[in-house]
Each structure stands twice: as structure tokens, then as C-alpha cells.
Amino acid sequence: MNLHDRPRLIWLILVSLTLGSITVFEAHLAQAFVVLTVFGIAVIKAQLIATYFMETGKALPAWNATYRVWIFVIGLILIGGHVLGR
């Protein structure tokens, strides 16, 4: 199955991840766990959106790697900002 031909499936995955992050946020778990989980889910969602809806997955391998690294670094910056901001 080629996921590029299944936008509804990707959309359902994105909705599921969103609902999962809401569930984790409202579960009153340890703050560090919630922050890492929600930011991790945000990075996964950003990767899915870039790959399947912005079609970066069809780019040349060097560009595809650049997009993936950029999204990962932004996630690390967000987590670092949260940790340092406390």
C-alpha cells in the first residue's frame, strides 16, 4: 500500500495523534512526561504533514533528509525552550 495514495488514512492518523495528545494532556500525568509526549507527537505530525501533504517525501533524498532534520531540530528547540524556561 502506497501511503501517498491514501490521504484519508494519513488524515485519520493525524486526528488520532491529536486525540492522543489531548488525552495525555488531560490525564494529569507528570509534567515532564506530558511535555515530551505532546512535543514528540507534534514532531511526528509535522513529519507526516511534510511528507504526505507537502510531498517532501517525493523530493530528492538530500532535500528530504534536510526537511526531516529541520523538523526534528525545531522539536528539540521547543523542548529545550520549555526546559530552560522553567
PDB file of N, CA and C in Angstrom:
ATOM      1  N   MET A   1       0.844  -1.175   0.000  1.00  0.00           N
ATOM      2  CA  MET A   1       0.000   0.000   0.000  1.00  0.00           C
ATOM      3  C   MET A   1       0.891   1.241   0.000  1.00  0.00           C
ATOM      4  N   ASN A   2       0.674   2.124  -0.937  1.00  0.00           N
ATOM      5  CA  ASN A   2       1.406   3.378  -1.031  1.00  0.00           C
ATOM      6  C   ASN A   2       0.630   4.458  -0.275  1.00  0.00           C
ATOM      7  N   LEU A   3       1.234   4.968   0.790  1.00  0.00           N
ATOM      8  CA  LEU A   3       0.533   5.952   1.615  1.00  0.00           C
ATOM      9  C   LEU A   3       0.322   7.273   0.904  1.00  0.00           C
ATOM     10  N   HIS A   4       1.107   7.545  -0.130  1.00  0.00           N
ATOM     11  CA  HIS A   4       0.913   8.785  -0.890  1.00  0.00           C
ATOM     12  C   HIS A   4      -0.437   8.781  -1.601  1.00  0.00           C
ATOM     13  N   ASP A   5      -0.986   7.613  -1.829  1.00  0.00           N
ATOM     14  CA  ASP A   5      -2.285   7.500  -2.489  1.00  0.00           C
ATOM     15  C   ASP A   5      -3.429   7.390  -1.481  1.00  0.00           C
ATOM     16  N   ARG A   6      -3.134   7.513  -0.221  1.00  0.00           N
ATOM     17  CA  ARG A   6      -4.144   7.322   0.829  1.00  0.00           C
ATOM     18  C   ARG A   6      -4.215   8.529   1.769  1.00  0.00           C
ATOM     19  N   PRO A   7      -4.599   9.710   1.264  1.00  0.00           N
ATOM     20  CA  PRO A   7      -4.628  10.886   2.139  1.00  0.00           C
ATOM     21  C   PRO A   7      -5.609  10.753   3.302  1.00  0.00           C
ATOM     22  N   ARG A   8      -6.696  10.012   3.115  1.00  0.00           N
ATOM     23  CA  ARG A   8      -7.656   9.839   4.212  1.00  0.00           C
ATOM     24  C   ARG A   8      -7.032   9.070   5.368  1.00  0.00           C
ATOM     25  N   LEU A   9      -6.223   8.067   5.041  1.00  0.00           N
ATOM     26  CA  LEU A   9      -5.559   7.284   6.080  1.00  0.00           C
ATOM     27  C   LEU A   9      -4.580   8.163   6.865  1.00  0.00           C
ATOM     28  N   ILE A  10      -3.816   8.962   6.167  1.00  0.00           N
ATOM     29  CA  ILE A  10      -2.876   9.870   6.837  1.00  0.00           C
ATOM     30  C   ILE A  10      -3.658  10.862   7.697  1.00  0.00           C
ATOM     31  N   TRP A  11      -4.757  11.374   7.171  1.00  0.00           N
ATOM     32  CA  TRP A  11      -5.581  12.308   7.932  1.00  0.00           C
ATOM     33  C   TRP A  11      -6.112  11.650   9.203  1.00  0.00           C
ATOM     34  N   LEU A  12      -6.565  10.403   9.109  1.00  0.00           N
ATOM     35  CA  LEU A  12      -7.046   9.684  10.291  1.00  0.00           C
ATOM     36  C   LEU A  12      -5.934   9.464  11.312  1.00  0.00           C
ATOM     37  N   ILE A  13      -4.734   9.195  10.828  1.00  0.00           N
ATOM     38  CA  ILE A  13      -3.589   9.052  11.731  1.00  0.00           C
ATOM     39  C   ILE A  13      -3.327  10.378  12.448  1.00  0.00           C
ATOM     40  N   LEU A  14      -3.385  11.487  11.691  1.00  0.00           N
ATOM     41  CA  LEU A  14      -3.169  12.805  12.294  1.00  0.00           C
ATOM     42  C   LEU A  14      -4.241  13.120  13.348  1.00  0.00           C
ATOM     43  N   VAL A  15      -5.485  12.805  13.046  1.00  0.00           N
ATOM     44  CA  VAL A  15      -6.567  13.029  14.013  1.00  0.00           C
ATOM     45  C   VAL A  15      -6.350  12.162  15.249  1.00  0.00           C
ATOM     46  N   SER A  16      -5.964  10.922  15.057  1.00  0.00           N
ATOM     47  CA  SER A  16      -5.707  10.022  16.185  1.00  0.00           C
ATOM     48  C   SER A  16      -4.577  10.543  17.065  1.00  0.00           C
ATOM     49  N   LEU A  17      -3.515  11.035  16.434  1.00  0.00           N
ATOM     50  CA  LEU A  17      -2.411  11.596  17.201  1.00  0.00           C
ATOM     51  C   LEU A  17      -2.850  12.835  17.979  1.00  0.00           C
ATOM     52  N   THR A  18      -3.689  13.654  17.366  1.00  0.00           N
ATOM     53  CA  THR A  18      -4.214  14.837  18.051  1.00  0.00           C
ATOM     54  C   THR A  18      -5.036  14.429  19.266  1.00  0.00           C
ATOM     55  N   LEU A  19      -5.923  13.473  19.086  1.00  0.00           N
ATOM     56  CA  LEU A  19      -6.729  12.994  20.209  1.00  0.00           C
ATOM     57  C   LEU A  19      -5.857  12.363  21.289  1.00  0.00           C
ATOM     58  N   GLY A  20      -4.810  11.666  20.862  1.00  0.00           N
ATOM     59  CA  GLY A  20      -3.870  11.082  21.819  1.00  0.00           C
ATOM     60  C   GLY A  20      -3.159  12.143  22.635  1.00  0.00           C
ATOM     61  N   SER A  21      -2.741  13.228  21.991  1.00  0.00           N
ATOM     62  CA  SER A  21      -2.056  14.287  22.740  1.00  0.00           C
ATOM     63  C   SER A  21      -3.012  14.988  23.696  1.00  0.00           C
ATOM     64  N   ILE A  22      -4.264  15.150  23.302  1.00  0.00           N
ATOM     65  CA  ILE A  22      -5.260  15.743  24.202  1.00  0.00           C
ATOM     66  C   ILE A  22      -5.475  14.830  25.412  1.00  0.00           C
ATOM     67  N   THR A  23      -5.561  13.533  25.159  1.00  0.00           N
ATOM     68  CA  THR A  23      -5.749  12.570  26.246  1.00  0.00           C
ATOM     69  C   THR A  23      -4.587  12.609  27.224  1.00  0.00           C
ATOM     70  N   VAL A  24      -3.370  12.641  26.698  1.00  0.00           N
ATOM     71  CA  VAL A  24      -2.186  12.703  27.565  1.00  0.00           C
ATOM     72  C   VAL A  24      -2.186  13.999  28.362  1.00  0.00           C
ATOM     73  N   PHE A  25      -2.534  15.100  27.709  1.00  0.00           N
ATOM     74  CA  PHE A  25      -2.540  16.398  28.382  1.00  0.00           C
ATOM     75  C   PHE A  25      -3.553  16.438  29.519  1.00  0.00           C
ATOM     76  N   GLU A  26      -4.709  15.855  29.309  1.00  0.00           N
ATOM     77  CA  GLU A  26      -5.774  15.922  30.313  1.00  0.00           C
ATOM     78  C   GLU A  26      -5.721  14.798  31.344  1.00  0.00           C
ATOM     79  N   ALA A  27      -4.744  13.907  31.227  1.00  0.00           N
ATOM     80  CA  ALA A  27      -4.653  12.772  32.147  1.00  0.00           C
ATOM     81  C   ALA A  27      -3.986  13.142  33.472  1.00  0.00           C
ATOM     82  N   HIS A  28      -3.506  14.374  33.600  1.00  0.00           N
ATOM     83  CA  HIS A  28      -2.863  14.859  34.830  1.00  0.00           C
ATOM     84  C   HIS A  28      -1.681  13.974  35.218  1.00  0.00           C
ATOM     85  N   LEU A  29      -0.843  13.676  34.238  1.00  0.00           N
ATOM     86  CA  LEU A  29       0.376  12.906  34.471  1.00  0.00           C
ATOM     87  C   LEU A  29       1.500  13.873  34.829  1.00  0.00           C
ATOM     88  N   ALA A  30       2.677  13.329  35.052  1.00  0.00           N
ATOM     89  CA  ALA A  30       3.837  14.165  35.367  1.00  0.00           C
ATOM     90  C   ALA A  30       4.085  15.157  34.226  1.00  0.00           C
ATOM     91  N   GLN A  31       4.380  16.403  34.591  1.00  0.00           N
ATOM     92  CA  GLN A  31       4.514  17.462  33.592  1.00  0.00           C
ATOM     93  C   GLN A  31       5.593  17.143  32.562  1.00  0.00           C
ATOM     94  N   ALA A  32       6.729  16.604  33.001  1.00  0.00           N
ATOM     95  CA  ALA A  32       7.812  16.300  32.066  1.00  0.00           C
ATOM     96  C   ALA A  32       7.350  15.266  31.036  1.00  0.00           C
ATOM     97  N   PHE A  33       6.622  14.262  31.472  1.00  0.00           N
ATOM     98  CA  PHE A  33       6.115  13.240  30.560  1.00  0.00           C
ATOM     99  C   PHE A  33       5.149  13.843  29.550  1.00  0.00           C
ATOM    100  N   VAL A  34       4.252  14.692  30.033  1.00  0.00           N
ATOM    101  CA  VAL A  34       3.254  15.318  29.157  1.00  0.00           C
ATOM    102  C   VAL A  34       3.948  16.180  28.103  1.00  0.00           C
ATOM    103  N   VAL A  35       4.892  17.001  28.526  1.00  0.00           N
ATOM    104  CA  VAL A  35       5.578  17.901  27.598  1.00  0.00           C
ATOM    105  C   VAL A  35       6.336  17.103  26.537  1.00  0.00           C
ATOM    106  N   LEU A  36       7.100  16.118  26.966  1.00  0.00           N
ATOM    107  CA  LEU A  36       7.854  15.310  25.996  1.00  0.00           C
ATOM    108  C   LEU A  36       6.925  14.567  25.045  1.00  0.00           C
ATOM    109  N   THR A  37       5.847  14.034  25.571  1.00  0.00           N
ATOM    110  CA  THR A  37       4.904  13.292  24.734  1.00  0.00           C
ATOM    111  C   THR A  37       4.213  14.204  23.726  1.00  0.00           C
ATOM    112  N   VAL A  38       3.710  15.344  24.182  1.00  0.00           N
ATOM    113  CA  VAL A  38       2.995  16.254  23.285  1.00  0.00           C
ATOM    114  C   VAL A  38       3.930  16.818  22.219  1.00  0.00           C
ATOM    115  N   PHE A  39       5.141  17.221  22.601  1.00  0.00           N
ATOM    116  CA  PHE A  39       6.094  17.713  21.604  1.00  0.00           C
ATOM    117  C   PHE A  39       6.526  16.593  20.655  1.00  0.00           C
ATOM    118  N   GLY A  40       6.682  15.383  21.180  1.00  0.00           N
ATOM    119  CA  GLY A  40       7.023  14.248  20.318  1.00  0.00           C
ATOM    120  C   GLY A  40       5.936  13.974  19.293  1.00  0.00           C
ATOM    121  N   ILE A  41       4.691  14.022  19.741  1.00  0.00           N
ATOM    122  CA  ILE A  41       3.563  13.830  18.822  1.00  0.00           C
ATOM    123  C   ILE A  41       3.529  14.950  17.789  1.00  0.00           C
ATOM    124  N   ALA A  42       3.833  16.176  18.218  1.00  0.00           N
ATOM    125  CA  ALA A  42       3.858  17.301  17.274  1.00  0.00           C
ATOM    126  C   ALA A  42       4.922  17.097  16.199  1.00  0.00           C
ATOM    127  N   VAL A  43       6.069  16.561  16.571  1.00  0.00           N
ATOM    128  CA  VAL A  43       7.129  16.297  15.590  1.00  0.00           C
ATOM    129  C   VAL A  43       6.681  15.215  14.611  1.00  0.00           C
ATOM    130  N   ILE A  44       6.061  14.166  15.119  1.00  0.00           N
ATOM    131  CA  ILE A  44       5.563  13.095  14.248  1.00  0.00           C
ATOM    132  C   ILE A  44       4.517  13.644  13.279  1.00  0.00           C
ATOM    133  N   LYS A  45       3.612  14.465  13.786  1.00  0.00           N
ATOM    134  CA  LYS A  45       2.578  15.051  12.926  1.00  0.00           C
ATOM    135  C   LYS A  45       3.197  15.954  11.867  1.00  0.00           C
ATOM    136  N   ALA A  46       4.185  16.741  12.252  1.00  0.00           N
ATOM    137  CA  ALA A  46       4.858  17.619  11.287  1.00  0.00           C
ATOM    138  C   ALA A  46       5.536  16.797  10.191  1.00  0.00           C
ATOM    139  N   GLN A  47       6.145  15.680  10.576  1.00  0.00           N
ATOM    140  CA  GLN A  47       6.782  14.804   9.589  1.00  0.00           C
ATOM    141  C   GLN A  47       5.743  14.239   8.620  1.00  0.00           C
ATOM    142  N   LEU A  48       4.621  13.800   9.152  1.00  0.00           N
ATOM    143  CA  LEU A  48       3.563  13.248   8.294  1.00  0.00           C
ATOM    144  C   LEU A  48       3.016  14.308   7.340  1.00  0.00           C
ATOM    145  N   ILE A  49       2.766  15.497   7.860  1.00  0.00           N
ATOM    146  CA  ILE A  49       2.232  16.569   7.016  1.00  0.00           C
ATOM    147  C   ILE A  49       3.224  16.929   5.926  1.00  0.00           C
ATOM    148  N   ALA A  50       4.489  17.086   6.298  1.00  0.00           N
ATOM    149  CA  ALA A  50       5.511  17.444   5.302  1.00  0.00           C
ATOM    150  C   ALA A  50       5.651  16.353   4.246  1.00  0.00           C
ATOM    151  N   THR A  51       5.674  15.118   4.689  1.00  0.00           N
ATOM    152  CA  THR A  51       5.914  14.011   3.754  1.00  0.00           C
ATOM    153  C   THR A  51       4.736  13.755   2.830  1.00  0.00           C
ATOM    154  N   TYR A  52       3.528  13.740   3.377  1.00  0.00           N
ATOM    155  CA  TYR A  52       2.385  13.290   2.583  1.00  0.00           C
ATOM    156  C   TYR A  52       1.512  14.399   2.006  1.00  0.00           C
ATOM    157  N   PHE A  53       1.474  15.559   2.661  1.00  0.00           N
ATOM    158  CA  PHE A  53       0.635  16.628   2.131  1.00  0.00           C
ATOM    159  C   PHE A  53       1.445  17.721   1.443  1.00  0.00           C
ATOM    160  N   MET A  54       2.678  17.949   1.922  1.00  0.00           N
ATOM    161  CA  MET A  54       3.552  18.904   1.248  1.00  0.00           C
ATOM    162  C   MET A  54       4.452  18.196   0.230  1.00  0.00           C
ATOM    163  N   GLU A  55       4.359  16.866   0.220  1.00  0.00           N
ATOM    164  CA  GLU A  55       5.048  15.991  -0.722  1.00  0.00           C
ATOM    165  C   GLU A  55       6.569  16.120  -0.686  1.00  0.00           C
ATOM    166  N   THR A  56       7.129  16.399   0.496  1.00  0.00           N
ATOM    167  CA  THR A  56       8.586  16.419   0.603  1.00  0.00           C
ATOM    168  C   THR A  56       9.157  15.007   0.485  1.00  0.00           C
ATOM    169  N   GLY A  57       8.322  14.004   0.706  1.00  0.00           N
ATOM    170  CA  GLY A  57       8.772  12.628   0.552  1.00  0.00           C
ATOM    171  C   GLY A  57       9.128  12.274  -0.881  1.00  0.00           C
ATOM    172  N   LYS A  58       8.650  13.080  -1.822  1.00  0.00           N
ATOM    173  CA  LYS A  58       8.961  12.850  -3.234  1.00  0.00           C
ATOM    174  C   LYS A  58      10.165  13.676  -3.690  1.00  0.00           C
ATOM    175  N   ALA A  59      10.733  14.449  -2.776  1.00  0.00           N
ATOM    176  CA  ALA A  59      11.885  15.289  -3.122  1.00  0.00           C
ATOM    177  C   ALA A  59      13.143  14.433  -3.245  1.00  0.00           C
ATOM    178  N   LEU A  60      14.199  15.043  -3.747  1.00  0.00           N
ATOM    179  CA  LEU A  60      15.484  14.356  -3.802  1.00  0.00           C
ATOM    180  C   LEU A  60      15.892  13.960  -2.381  1.00  0.00           C
ATOM    181  N   PRO A  61      16.613  12.850  -2.241  1.00  0.00           N
ATOM    182  CA  PRO A  61      16.952  12.359  -0.900  1.00  0.00           C
ATOM    183  C   PRO A  61      17.636  13.405  -0.007  1.00  0.00           C
ATOM    184  N   ALA A  62      18.500  14.229  -0.563  1.00  0.00           N
ATOM    185  CA  ALA A  62      19.179  15.239   0.254  1.00  0.00           C
ATOM    186  C   ALA A  62      18.179  16.254   0.808  1.00  0.00           C
ATOM    187  N   TRP A  63      17.224  16.673  -0.013  1.00  0.00           N
ATOM    188  CA  TRP A  63      16.209  17.614   0.447  1.00  0.00           C
ATOM    189  C   TRP A  63      15.281  16.961   1.456  1.00  0.00           C
ATOM    190  N   ASN A  64      14.901  15.742   1.213  1.00  0.00           N
ATOM    191  CA  ASN A  64      14.025  15.019   2.133  1.00  0.00           C
ATOM    192  C   ASN A  64      14.686  14.911   3.509  1.00  0.00           C
ATOM    193  N   ALA A  65      15.970  14.571   3.523  1.00  0.00           N
ATOM    194  CA  ALA A  65      16.699  14.485   4.793  1.00  0.00           C
ATOM    195  C   ALA A  65      16.771  15.844   5.473  1.00  0.00           C
ATOM    196  N   THR A  66      16.961  16.900   4.679  1.00  0.00           N
ATOM    197  CA  THR A  66      17.020  18.258   5.240  1.00  0.00           C
ATOM    198  C   THR A  66      15.712  18.623   5.912  1.00  0.00           C
ATOM    199  N   TYR A  67      14.592  18.324   5.286  1.00  0.00           N
ATOM    200  CA  TYR A  67      13.285  18.611   5.878  1.00  0.00           C
ATOM    201  C   TYR A  67      13.108  17.844   7.183  1.00  0.00           C
ATOM    202  N   ARG A  68      13.459  16.573   7.172  1.00  0.00           N
ATOM    203  CA  ARG A  68      13.282  15.747   8.369  1.00  0.00           C
ATOM    204  C   ARG A  68      14.142  16.245   9.528  1.00  0.00           C
ATOM    205  N   VAL A  69      15.390  16.569   9.234  1.00  0.00           N
ATOM    206  CA  VAL A  69      16.290  17.074  10.276  1.00  0.00           C
ATOM    207  C   VAL A  69      15.780  18.413  10.798  1.00  0.00           C
ATOM    208  N   TRP A  70      15.317  19.280   9.911  1.00  0.00           N
ATOM    209  CA  TRP A  70      14.826  20.595  10.312  1.00  0.00           C
ATOM    210  C   TRP A  70      13.641  20.453  11.275  1.00  0.00           C
ATOM    211  N   ILE A  71      12.706  19.575  10.957  1.00  0.00           N
ATOM    212  CA  ILE A  71      11.545  19.377  11.836  1.00  0.00           C
ATOM    213  C   ILE A  71      11.992  18.813  13.182  1.00  0.00           C
ATOM    214  N   PHE A  72      12.922  17.876  13.173  1.00  0.00           N
ATOM    215  CA  PHE A  72      13.426  17.288  14.413  1.00  0.00           C
ATOM    216  C   PHE A  72      14.125  18.347  15.269  1.00  0.00           C
ATOM    217  N   VAL A  73      14.935  19.194  14.638  1.00  0.00           N
ATOM    218  CA  VAL A  73      15.657  20.246  15.368  1.00  0.00           C
ATOM    219  C   VAL A  73      14.674  21.245  15.980  1.00  0.00           C
ATOM    220  N   ILE A  74      13.643  21.609  15.234  1.00  0.00           N
ATOM    221  CA  ILE A  74      12.628  22.508  15.782  1.00  0.00           C
ATOM    222  C   ILE A  74      11.972  21.881  17.020  1.00  0.00           C
ATOM    223  N   GLY A  75      11.689  20.589  16.964  1.00  0.00           N
ATOM    224  CA  GLY A  75      11.136  19.890  18.130  1.00  0.00           C
ATOM    225  C   GLY A  75      12.082  19.948  19.318  1.00  0.00           C
ATOM    226  N   LEU A  76      13.379  19.745  19.077  1.00  0.00           N
ATOM    227  CA  LEU A  76      14.367  19.827  20.157  1.00  0.00           C
ATOM    228  C   LEU A  76      14.445  21.240  20.726  1.00  0.00           C
ATOM    229  N   ILE A  77      14.353  22.243  19.860  1.00  0.00           N
ATOM    230  CA  ILE A  77      14.373  23.633  20.330  1.00  0.00           C
ATOM    231  C   ILE A  77      13.168  23.909  21.226  1.00  0.00           C
ATOM    232  N   LEU A  78      12.002  23.425  20.827  1.00  0.00           N
ATOM    233  CA  LEU A  78      10.804  23.613  21.650  1.00  0.00           C
ATOM    234  C   LEU A  78      10.957  22.947  23.018  1.00  0.00           C
ATOM    235  N   ILE A  79      11.448  21.717  23.020  1.00  0.00           N
ATOM    236  CA  ILE A  79      11.661  21.017  24.296  1.00  0.00           C
ATOM    237  C   ILE A  79      12.714  21.739  25.130  1.00  0.00           C
ATOM    238  N   GLY A  80      13.819  22.142  24.487  1.00  0.00           N
ATOM    239  CA  GLY A  80      14.865  22.868  25.211  1.00  0.00           C
ATOM    240  C   GLY A  80      14.355  24.182  25.779  1.00  0.00           C
ATOM    241  N   GLY A  81      13.551  24.898  24.997  1.00  0.00           N
ATOM    242  CA  GLY A  81      12.982  26.145  25.482  1.00  0.00           C
ATOM    243  C   GLY A  81      12.078  25.928  26.680  1.00  0.00           C
ATOM    244  N   HIS A  82      11.342  24.845  26.661  1.00  0.00           N
ATOM    245  CA  HIS A  82      10.472  24.538  27.796  1.00  0.00           C
ATOM    246  C   HIS A  82      11.293  24.219  29.033  1.00  0.00           C
ATOM    247  N   VAL A  83      12.340  23.403  28.856  1.00  0.00           N
ATOM    248  CA  VAL A  83      13.173  23.016  29.987  1.00  0.00           C
ATOM    249  C   VAL A  83      13.908  24.223  30.563  1.00  0.00           C
ATOM    250  N   LEU A  84      14.485  25.047  29.692  1.00  0.00           N
ATOM    251  CA  LEU A  84      15.236  26.213  30.165  1.00  0.00           C
ATOM    252  C   LEU A  84      14.332  27.302  30.709  1.00  0.00           C
ATOM    253  N   GLY A  85      13.096  27.343  30.241  1.00  0.00           N
ATOM    254  CA  GLY A  85      12.159  28.361  30.679  1.00  0.00           C
ATOM    255  C   GLY A  85      11.577  28.111  32.071  1.00  0.00           C
ATOM    256  N   ARG A  86      11.822  26.953  32.599  1.00  0.00           N
ATOM    257  CA  ARG A  86      11.254  26.614  33.913  1.00  0.00           C
ATOM    258  C   ARG A  86      12.072  27.205  34.972  1.00  0.00           C
TER     259      ARG A  86
END
